[in-house]
């Protein structure tokens, strides 16, 4: 792990402290690491969706789509 220093708006720290106090996270550090993980997962999902849409367009261009009502 690498230690970093960052500046965070005071309101965000107040929210994080509330979540820690409520037991949702073990610490501020845990909360921020979790938020980064959620963002990374969101980005992976966005990239996957982009790839699916690209492949769908490629299939459409090559007339490789199968209509579900044609499947028996």
N, C-alpha and C. Protein backbone atom coordinates (compact mmCIF):
# COMPACT_ATOMS: atom_id res chain seq x y z
N UNK A 1 0.84 -1.19 0.00
CA UNK A 1 0.00 0.00 0.00
C UNK A 1 0.88 1.24 0.00
N UNK A 2 0.36 2.27 -0.61
CA UNK A 2 1.04 3.56 -0.65
C UNK A 2 0.22 4.54 0.16
N UNK A 3 0.89 5.30 0.97
CA UNK A 3 0.20 6.31 1.77
C UNK A 3 0.16 7.60 0.98
N UNK A 4 -1.01 8.25 0.94
CA UNK A 4 -1.16 9.53 0.24
C UNK A 4 -1.82 10.55 1.17
N UNK A 5 -1.56 11.79 0.88
CA UNK A 5 -2.21 12.88 1.61
C UNK A 5 -3.14 13.56 0.63
N UNK A 6 -4.35 13.88 1.07
CA UNK A 6 -5.26 14.56 0.17
C UNK A 6 -6.08 15.59 0.92
N UNK A 7 -6.58 16.52 0.18
CA UNK A 7 -7.47 17.55 0.75
C UNK A 7 -8.90 17.17 0.36
N UNK A 8 -9.75 17.20 1.37
CA UNK A 8 -11.15 16.80 1.18
C UNK A 8 -12.03 17.90 1.77
N UNK A 9 -13.11 18.25 1.10
CA UNK A 9 -14.00 19.27 1.66
C UNK A 9 -14.47 18.87 3.06
N UNK A 10 -14.58 19.86 3.92
CA UNK A 10 -14.96 19.62 5.31
C UNK A 10 -16.29 18.88 5.43
N UNK A 11 -17.24 19.22 4.58
CA UNK A 11 -18.55 18.54 4.62
C UNK A 11 -18.40 17.05 4.34
N UNK A 12 -17.53 16.70 3.40
CA UNK A 12 -17.32 15.29 3.09
C UNK A 12 -16.73 14.56 4.28
N UNK A 13 -15.78 15.19 4.98
CA UNK A 13 -15.19 14.57 6.15
C UNK A 13 -16.23 14.41 7.25
N UNK A 14 -17.12 15.39 7.39
CA UNK A 14 -18.20 15.27 8.40
C UNK A 14 -19.07 14.07 8.07
N UNK A 15 -19.40 13.89 6.79
CA UNK A 15 -20.22 12.74 6.38
C UNK A 15 -19.48 11.44 6.67
N UNK A 16 -18.21 11.39 6.29
CA UNK A 16 -17.42 10.17 6.52
C UNK A 16 -17.35 9.87 8.02
N UNK A 17 -17.13 10.89 8.82
CA UNK A 17 -17.07 10.68 10.28
C UNK A 17 -18.39 10.15 10.83
N UNK A 18 -19.51 10.65 10.28
CA UNK A 18 -20.83 10.13 10.70
C UNK A 18 -20.96 8.65 10.36
N UNK A 19 -20.51 8.28 9.17
CA UNK A 19 -20.60 6.89 8.73
C UNK A 19 -19.72 5.98 9.59
N UNK A 20 -18.54 6.49 9.95
CA UNK A 20 -17.64 5.72 10.81
C UNK A 20 -18.28 5.55 12.18
N UNK A 21 -18.81 6.63 12.73
CA UNK A 21 -19.45 6.58 14.04
C UNK A 21 -20.64 5.62 14.03
N UNK A 22 -21.37 5.58 12.91
CA UNK A 22 -22.54 4.70 12.79
C UNK A 22 -22.13 3.24 12.54
N UNK A 23 -20.84 3.00 12.34
CA UNK A 23 -20.37 1.64 12.15
C UNK A 23 -20.36 1.16 10.71
N UNK A 24 -20.64 2.05 9.78
CA UNK A 24 -20.64 1.64 8.36
C UNK A 24 -19.23 1.38 7.85
N UNK A 25 -18.25 2.06 8.44
CA UNK A 25 -16.84 1.88 8.10
C UNK A 25 -16.04 1.81 9.38
N UNK A 26 -14.86 1.19 9.30
CA UNK A 26 -13.98 1.08 10.47
C UNK A 26 -13.25 2.38 10.75
N UNK A 27 -12.97 3.15 9.68
CA UNK A 27 -12.18 4.37 9.81
C UNK A 27 -12.40 5.25 8.59
N UNK A 28 -11.86 6.47 8.64
CA UNK A 28 -11.90 7.34 7.46
C UNK A 28 -11.19 6.67 6.30
N UNK A 29 -10.05 6.08 6.60
CA UNK A 29 -9.27 5.41 5.57
C UNK A 29 -10.07 4.30 4.90
N UNK A 30 -10.74 3.50 5.72
CA UNK A 30 -11.57 2.41 5.20
C UNK A 30 -12.68 2.96 4.30
N UNK A 31 -13.30 4.06 4.72
CA UNK A 31 -14.37 4.67 3.93
C UNK A 31 -13.85 5.13 2.57
N UNK A 32 -12.72 5.81 2.58
CA UNK A 32 -12.17 6.34 1.33
C UNK A 32 -11.72 5.21 0.42
N UNK A 33 -11.10 4.16 0.98
CA UNK A 33 -10.70 3.01 0.15
C UNK A 33 -11.93 2.35 -0.47
N UNK A 34 -13.01 2.24 0.30
CA UNK A 34 -14.25 1.65 -0.22
C UNK A 34 -14.82 2.49 -1.36
N UNK A 35 -14.81 3.80 -1.18
CA UNK A 35 -15.32 4.69 -2.23
C UNK A 35 -14.49 4.57 -3.51
N UNK A 36 -13.18 4.45 -3.36
CA UNK A 36 -12.32 4.27 -4.53
C UNK A 36 -12.64 2.95 -5.21
N UNK A 37 -12.86 1.89 -4.42
CA UNK A 37 -13.21 0.58 -4.99
C UNK A 37 -14.52 0.65 -5.77
N UNK A 38 -15.52 1.36 -5.21
CA UNK A 38 -16.80 1.51 -5.91
C UNK A 38 -16.59 2.25 -7.23
N UNK A 39 -15.77 3.29 -7.23
CA UNK A 39 -15.50 4.03 -8.46
C UNK A 39 -14.81 3.15 -9.49
N UNK A 40 -13.82 2.37 -9.04
CA UNK A 40 -13.12 1.48 -9.95
C UNK A 40 -14.08 0.46 -10.57
N UNK A 41 -14.98 -0.08 -9.77
CA UNK A 41 -15.97 -1.04 -10.27
C UNK A 41 -16.90 -0.36 -11.28
N UNK A 42 -17.30 0.87 -10.99
CA UNK A 42 -18.15 1.63 -11.91
C UNK A 42 -17.43 1.80 -13.25
N UNK A 43 -16.15 2.12 -13.21
CA UNK A 43 -15.38 2.30 -14.44
C UNK A 43 -15.26 0.99 -15.22
N UNK A 44 -15.02 -0.12 -14.52
CA UNK A 44 -14.95 -1.42 -15.20
C UNK A 44 -16.29 -1.75 -15.86
N UNK A 45 -17.38 -1.46 -15.17
CA UNK A 45 -18.72 -1.70 -15.71
C UNK A 45 -18.96 -0.83 -16.94
N UNK A 46 -18.55 0.45 -16.87
CA UNK A 46 -18.71 1.36 -17.99
C UNK A 46 -17.91 0.87 -19.20
N UNK A 47 -16.69 0.43 -18.96
CA UNK A 47 -15.85 -0.08 -20.05
C UNK A 47 -16.46 -1.34 -20.66
N UNK A 48 -17.00 -2.22 -19.83
CA UNK A 48 -17.63 -3.45 -20.31
C UNK A 48 -18.85 -3.12 -21.16
N UNK A 49 -19.68 -2.20 -20.69
CA UNK A 49 -20.86 -1.79 -21.45
C UNK A 49 -20.46 -1.18 -22.78
N UNK A 50 -19.42 -0.37 -22.77
CA UNK A 50 -18.93 0.23 -24.01
C UNK A 50 -18.49 -0.84 -24.99
N UNK A 51 -17.80 -1.86 -24.50
CA UNK A 51 -17.36 -2.96 -25.36
C UNK A 51 -18.57 -3.72 -25.92
N UNK A 52 -19.56 -3.97 -25.08
CA UNK A 52 -20.77 -4.67 -25.54
C UNK A 52 -21.49 -3.87 -26.62
N UNK A 53 -21.62 -2.57 -26.41
CA UNK A 53 -22.29 -1.73 -27.41
C UNK A 53 -21.52 -1.72 -28.72
N UNK A 54 -20.19 -1.66 -28.64
CA UNK A 54 -19.36 -1.69 -29.85
C UNK A 54 -19.56 -3.01 -30.59
N UNK A 55 -19.53 -4.11 -29.86
CA UNK A 55 -19.71 -5.42 -30.50
C UNK A 55 -21.11 -5.57 -31.08
N UNK A 56 -22.09 -4.99 -30.40
CA UNK A 56 -23.46 -5.04 -30.91
C UNK A 56 -23.55 -4.29 -32.24
N UNK A 57 -22.91 -3.12 -32.31
CA UNK A 57 -22.91 -2.36 -33.56
C UNK A 57 -22.18 -3.13 -34.66
N UNK A 58 -21.06 -3.78 -34.31
CA UNK A 58 -20.33 -4.56 -35.30
C UNK A 58 -21.19 -5.72 -35.81
N UNK A 59 -21.91 -6.36 -34.91
CA UNK A 59 -22.78 -7.47 -35.32
C UNK A 59 -23.90 -6.97 -36.21
N UNK A 60 -24.44 -5.80 -35.85
CA UNK A 60 -25.52 -5.22 -36.65
C UNK A 60 -25.01 -4.90 -38.05
N UNK A 61 -23.80 -4.34 -38.13
CA UNK A 61 -23.21 -4.01 -39.43
C UNK A 61 -22.99 -5.26 -40.27
N UNK A 62 -22.68 -6.37 -39.64
CA UNK A 62 -22.43 -7.62 -40.36
C UNK A 62 -23.68 -8.48 -40.48
N UNK A 63 -24.80 -7.92 -40.05
CA UNK A 63 -26.09 -8.61 -40.08
C UNK A 63 -26.02 -9.95 -39.36
N UNK A 64 -25.41 -9.92 -38.18
CA UNK A 64 -25.24 -11.14 -37.39
C UNK A 64 -26.27 -11.24 -36.27
N UNK A 65 -27.19 -10.31 -36.22
CA UNK A 65 -28.18 -10.33 -35.15
C UNK A 65 -29.26 -11.36 -35.44
N UNK A 66 -29.74 -11.98 -34.42
CA UNK A 66 -30.82 -12.95 -34.53
C UNK A 66 -32.01 -12.39 -33.75
N UNK A 67 -33.13 -12.31 -34.38
CA UNK A 67 -34.31 -11.82 -33.68
C UNK A 67 -34.85 -12.93 -32.79
N UNK A 68 -35.20 -12.57 -31.57
CA UNK A 68 -35.68 -13.56 -30.62
C UNK A 68 -36.99 -14.20 -31.07
N UNK A 69 -37.83 -13.45 -31.78
CA UNK A 69 -39.10 -14.03 -32.21
C UNK A 69 -38.91 -15.00 -33.38
N UNK A 70 -37.69 -15.05 -33.96
CA UNK A 70 -37.40 -15.99 -35.03
C UNK A 70 -36.82 -17.29 -34.51
N UNK A 71 -36.44 -17.31 -33.25
CA UNK A 71 -35.84 -18.52 -32.65
C UNK A 71 -36.95 -19.46 -32.24
N UNK A 72 -36.85 -20.73 -32.67
CA UNK A 72 -37.89 -21.71 -32.35
C UNK A 72 -37.33 -22.85 -31.59
